[in-house]
Amino acid sequence: MAPSAAIPANEPATYELALAELDRLVAQMEGGQLPLDQLLDAYRRGAVLLNFCRARLQDVEAQVKVLDDGQLKAWSAA
């Protein structure tokens, strides 16, 4: 089954774009107005976006650990 034209299959450029697209998909899915095929496509795309966001967060966490000599310290907004 080919992905819907409204749901791009490419990887997002940034975490922020992925999160925004994921928010839009959730809103569409919660609206209950998508046909079943589009709902399934949106779910699949959402899973891809969620995995992308998780991977980016893990990458950032790993970089923070490196910057803090292997210790992940609590962040305080100063």
N, C-alpha and C. Protein backbone atom coordinates (compact mmCIF):
# COMPACT_ATOMS: atom_id res chain seq x y z
N MET A 1 0.85 -1.18 0.00
CA MET A 1 0.00 0.00 0.00
C MET A 1 0.89 1.23 0.00
N ALA A 2 0.70 2.14 -0.91
CA ALA A 2 1.51 3.35 -1.02
C ALA A 2 1.10 4.36 0.04
N PRO A 3 2.06 5.11 0.57
CA PRO A 3 1.72 6.12 1.56
C PRO A 3 0.85 7.22 0.96
N SER A 4 0.05 7.83 1.79
CA SER A 4 -0.81 8.91 1.36
C SER A 4 0.02 10.10 0.90
N ALA A 5 -0.47 10.82 -0.08
CA ALA A 5 0.25 11.99 -0.59
C ALA A 5 0.34 13.09 0.47
N ALA A 6 -0.60 13.10 1.42
CA ALA A 6 -0.61 14.13 2.46
C ALA A 6 0.41 13.83 3.56
N ILE A 7 0.93 12.62 3.61
CA ILE A 7 1.86 12.22 4.66
C ILE A 7 3.19 11.87 4.02
N PRO A 8 4.18 12.79 4.08
CA PRO A 8 5.46 12.53 3.43
C PRO A 8 6.20 11.37 4.08
N ALA A 9 6.90 10.59 3.27
CA ALA A 9 7.60 9.41 3.77
C ALA A 9 9.06 9.71 4.08
N ASN A 10 9.52 10.92 3.77
CA ASN A 10 10.93 11.25 4.00
C ASN A 10 11.19 11.56 5.47
N GLU A 11 12.48 11.49 5.83
CA GLU A 11 12.86 11.78 7.20
C GLU A 11 12.83 13.29 7.43
N PRO A 12 12.35 13.73 8.58
CA PRO A 12 12.32 15.17 8.85
C PRO A 12 13.73 15.74 8.98
N ALA A 13 13.84 17.02 8.72
CA ALA A 13 15.15 17.68 8.77
C ALA A 13 15.61 17.94 10.20
N THR A 14 14.67 18.19 11.09
CA THR A 14 15.02 18.51 12.47
C THR A 14 14.06 17.85 13.44
N TYR A 15 14.47 17.81 14.69
CA TYR A 15 13.62 17.30 15.76
C TYR A 15 12.34 18.15 15.86
N GLU A 16 12.50 19.45 15.76
CA GLU A 16 11.36 20.35 15.90
C GLU A 16 10.33 20.14 14.79
N LEU A 17 10.81 19.93 13.56
CA LEU A 17 9.88 19.66 12.45
C LEU A 17 9.18 18.32 12.64
N ALA A 18 9.91 17.33 13.12
CA ALA A 18 9.32 16.01 13.37
C ALA A 18 8.24 16.12 14.44
N LEU A 19 8.53 16.84 15.50
CA LEU A 19 7.57 17.01 16.59
C LEU A 19 6.32 17.75 16.11
N ALA A 20 6.51 18.78 15.30
CA ALA A 20 5.36 19.53 14.77
C ALA A 20 4.50 18.65 13.87
N GLU A 21 5.15 17.85 13.03
CA GLU A 21 4.39 16.95 12.15
C GLU A 21 3.65 15.90 12.97
N LEU A 22 4.31 15.40 14.00
CA LEU A 22 3.69 14.41 14.87
C LEU A 22 2.47 15.00 15.57
N ASP A 23 2.58 16.24 16.02
CA ASP A 23 1.43 16.92 16.64
C ASP A 23 0.26 17.05 15.67
N ARG A 24 0.58 17.41 14.41
CA ARG A 24 -0.48 17.53 13.39
C ARG A 24 -1.15 16.19 13.13
N LEU A 25 -0.34 15.13 13.04
CA LEU A 25 -0.90 13.80 12.80
C LEU A 25 -1.81 13.36 13.94
N VAL A 26 -1.37 13.59 15.16
CA VAL A 26 -2.18 13.21 16.32
C VAL A 26 -3.51 13.96 16.29
N ALA A 27 -3.47 15.25 15.99
CA ALA A 27 -4.71 16.03 15.93
C ALA A 27 -5.65 15.49 14.85
N GLN A 28 -5.10 15.14 13.68
CA GLN A 28 -5.92 14.58 12.61
C GLN A 28 -6.52 13.24 13.03
N MET A 29 -5.71 12.41 13.66
CA MET A 29 -6.19 11.09 14.07
C MET A 29 -7.24 11.20 15.17
N GLU A 30 -7.04 12.12 16.10
CA GLU A 30 -8.00 12.30 17.18
C GLU A 30 -9.29 12.91 16.68
N GLY A 31 -9.21 13.63 15.54
CA GLY A 31 -10.41 14.24 14.97
C GLY A 31 -11.41 13.22 14.47
N GLY A 32 -10.97 12.01 14.21
CA GLY A 32 -11.87 10.95 13.79
C GLY A 32 -12.43 11.11 12.39
N GLN A 33 -11.84 11.96 11.57
CA GLN A 33 -12.38 12.20 10.24
C GLN A 33 -11.57 11.54 9.13
N LEU A 34 -10.48 10.86 9.46
CA LEU A 34 -9.66 10.22 8.44
C LEU A 34 -10.25 8.87 8.04
N PRO A 35 -10.26 8.58 6.74
CA PRO A 35 -10.65 7.25 6.30
C PRO A 35 -9.65 6.22 6.85
N LEU A 36 -10.04 4.99 6.92
CA LEU A 36 -9.24 3.94 7.54
C LEU A 36 -7.84 3.84 6.92
N ASP A 37 -7.72 3.89 5.60
CA ASP A 37 -6.41 3.79 4.95
C ASP A 37 -5.51 4.94 5.35
N GLN A 38 -6.05 6.16 5.39
CA GLN A 38 -5.26 7.32 5.78
C GLN A 38 -4.90 7.27 7.27
N LEU A 39 -5.81 6.73 8.07
CA LEU A 39 -5.54 6.58 9.49
C LEU A 39 -4.37 5.63 9.71
N LEU A 40 -4.34 4.55 8.98
CA LEU A 40 -3.24 3.59 9.09
C LEU A 40 -1.94 4.21 8.60
N ASP A 41 -1.98 4.95 7.50
CA ASP A 41 -0.79 5.65 7.01
C ASP A 41 -0.29 6.67 8.04
N ALA A 42 -1.22 7.39 8.66
CA ALA A 42 -0.84 8.39 9.66
C ALA A 42 -0.22 7.71 10.87
N TYR A 43 -0.74 6.57 11.26
CA TYR A 43 -0.18 5.82 12.39
C TYR A 43 1.25 5.38 12.08
N ARG A 44 1.44 4.85 10.87
CA ARG A 44 2.79 4.41 10.46
C ARG A 44 3.76 5.59 10.43
N ARG A 45 3.33 6.71 9.87
CA ARG A 45 4.19 7.89 9.81
C ARG A 45 4.49 8.39 11.23
N GLY A 46 3.50 8.35 12.09
CA GLY A 46 3.70 8.76 13.47
C GLY A 46 4.74 7.89 14.16
N ALA A 47 4.73 6.59 13.89
CA ALA A 47 5.71 5.69 14.47
C ALA A 47 7.12 6.04 13.99
N VAL A 48 7.25 6.38 12.70
CA VAL A 48 8.55 6.78 12.14
C VAL A 48 9.02 8.06 12.82
N LEU A 49 8.13 9.02 12.95
CA LEU A 49 8.48 10.30 13.58
C LEU A 49 8.86 10.12 15.04
N LEU A 50 8.13 9.28 15.74
CA LEU A 50 8.42 9.03 17.14
C LEU A 50 9.80 8.40 17.30
N ASN A 51 10.12 7.44 16.46
CA ASN A 51 11.45 6.81 16.50
C ASN A 51 12.54 7.83 16.18
N PHE A 52 12.30 8.71 15.22
CA PHE A 52 13.25 9.76 14.88
C PHE A 52 13.49 10.67 16.08
N CYS A 53 12.41 11.10 16.74
CA CYS A 53 12.54 11.99 17.90
C CYS A 53 13.29 11.30 19.04
N ARG A 54 12.96 10.06 19.30
CA ARG A 54 13.66 9.32 20.36
C ARG A 54 15.15 9.20 20.06
N ALA A 55 15.48 8.90 18.82
CA ALA A 55 16.89 8.76 18.44
C ALA A 55 17.63 10.08 18.60
N ARG A 56 16.99 11.18 18.20
CA ARG A 56 17.63 12.49 18.35
C ARG A 56 17.85 12.83 19.82
N LEU A 57 16.87 12.54 20.66
CA LEU A 57 17.01 12.81 22.08
C LEU A 57 18.13 11.96 22.69
N GLN A 58 18.24 10.71 22.27
CA GLN A 58 19.31 9.85 22.77
C GLN A 58 20.67 10.38 22.31
N ASP A 59 20.75 10.86 21.07
CA ASP A 59 22.00 11.44 20.58
C ASP A 59 22.41 12.65 21.40
N VAL A 60 21.46 13.51 21.69
CA VAL A 60 21.75 14.71 22.48
C VAL A 60 22.17 14.32 23.89
N GLU A 61 21.48 13.35 24.47
CA GLU A 61 21.85 12.89 25.82
C GLU A 61 23.28 12.35 25.83
N ALA A 62 23.64 11.60 24.81
CA ALA A 62 25.00 11.06 24.72
C ALA A 62 26.03 12.19 24.60
N GLN A 63 25.71 13.22 23.84
CA GLN A 63 26.62 14.35 23.70
C GLN A 63 26.77 15.11 25.01
N VAL A 64 25.68 15.24 25.76
CA VAL A 64 25.74 15.92 27.05
C VAL A 64 26.62 15.12 28.01
N LYS A 65 26.50 13.81 27.98
CA LYS A 65 27.33 12.96 28.84
C LYS A 65 28.81 13.17 28.52
N VAL A 66 29.14 13.26 27.26
CA VAL A 66 30.53 13.48 26.85
C VAL A 66 31.01 14.83 27.37
N LEU A 67 30.17 15.84 27.24
CA LEU A 67 30.55 17.17 27.69
C LEU A 67 30.70 17.25 29.21
N ASP A 68 30.00 16.39 29.93
CA ASP A 68 30.06 16.39 31.39
C ASP A 68 30.90 15.23 31.92
N ASP A 69 31.95 14.83 31.19
CA ASP A 69 32.86 13.75 31.61
C ASP A 69 32.15 12.45 31.97
N GLY A 70 31.21 12.05 31.14
CA GLY A 70 30.54 10.77 31.33
C GLY A 70 29.43 10.78 32.37
N GLN A 71 29.19 11.89 33.00
CA GLN A 71 28.13 12.01 34.01
C GLN A 71 26.97 12.80 33.43
N LEU A 72 25.78 12.24 33.50
CA LEU A 72 24.60 13.00 33.09
C LEU A 72 24.09 13.72 34.32
N LYS A 73 24.26 15.02 34.35
CA LYS A 73 23.91 15.84 35.51
C LYS A 73 22.56 16.49 35.29
N ALA A 74 21.91 16.77 36.38
CA ALA A 74 20.62 17.47 36.30
C ALA A 74 20.85 18.85 35.71
N TRP A 75 19.98 19.25 34.82
CA TRP A 75 20.12 20.54 34.16
C TRP A 75 19.30 21.57 34.93
N SER A 76 19.92 22.67 35.23
CA SER A 76 19.20 23.76 35.89
C SER A 76 19.23 24.97 34.98
N ALA A 77 18.08 25.51 34.69
CA ALA A 77 17.98 26.71 33.86
C ALA A 77 18.43 27.89 34.68
N ALA A 78 19.57 28.42 34.34
CA ALA A 78 20.13 29.53 35.14
C ALA A 78 19.78 30.87 34.56
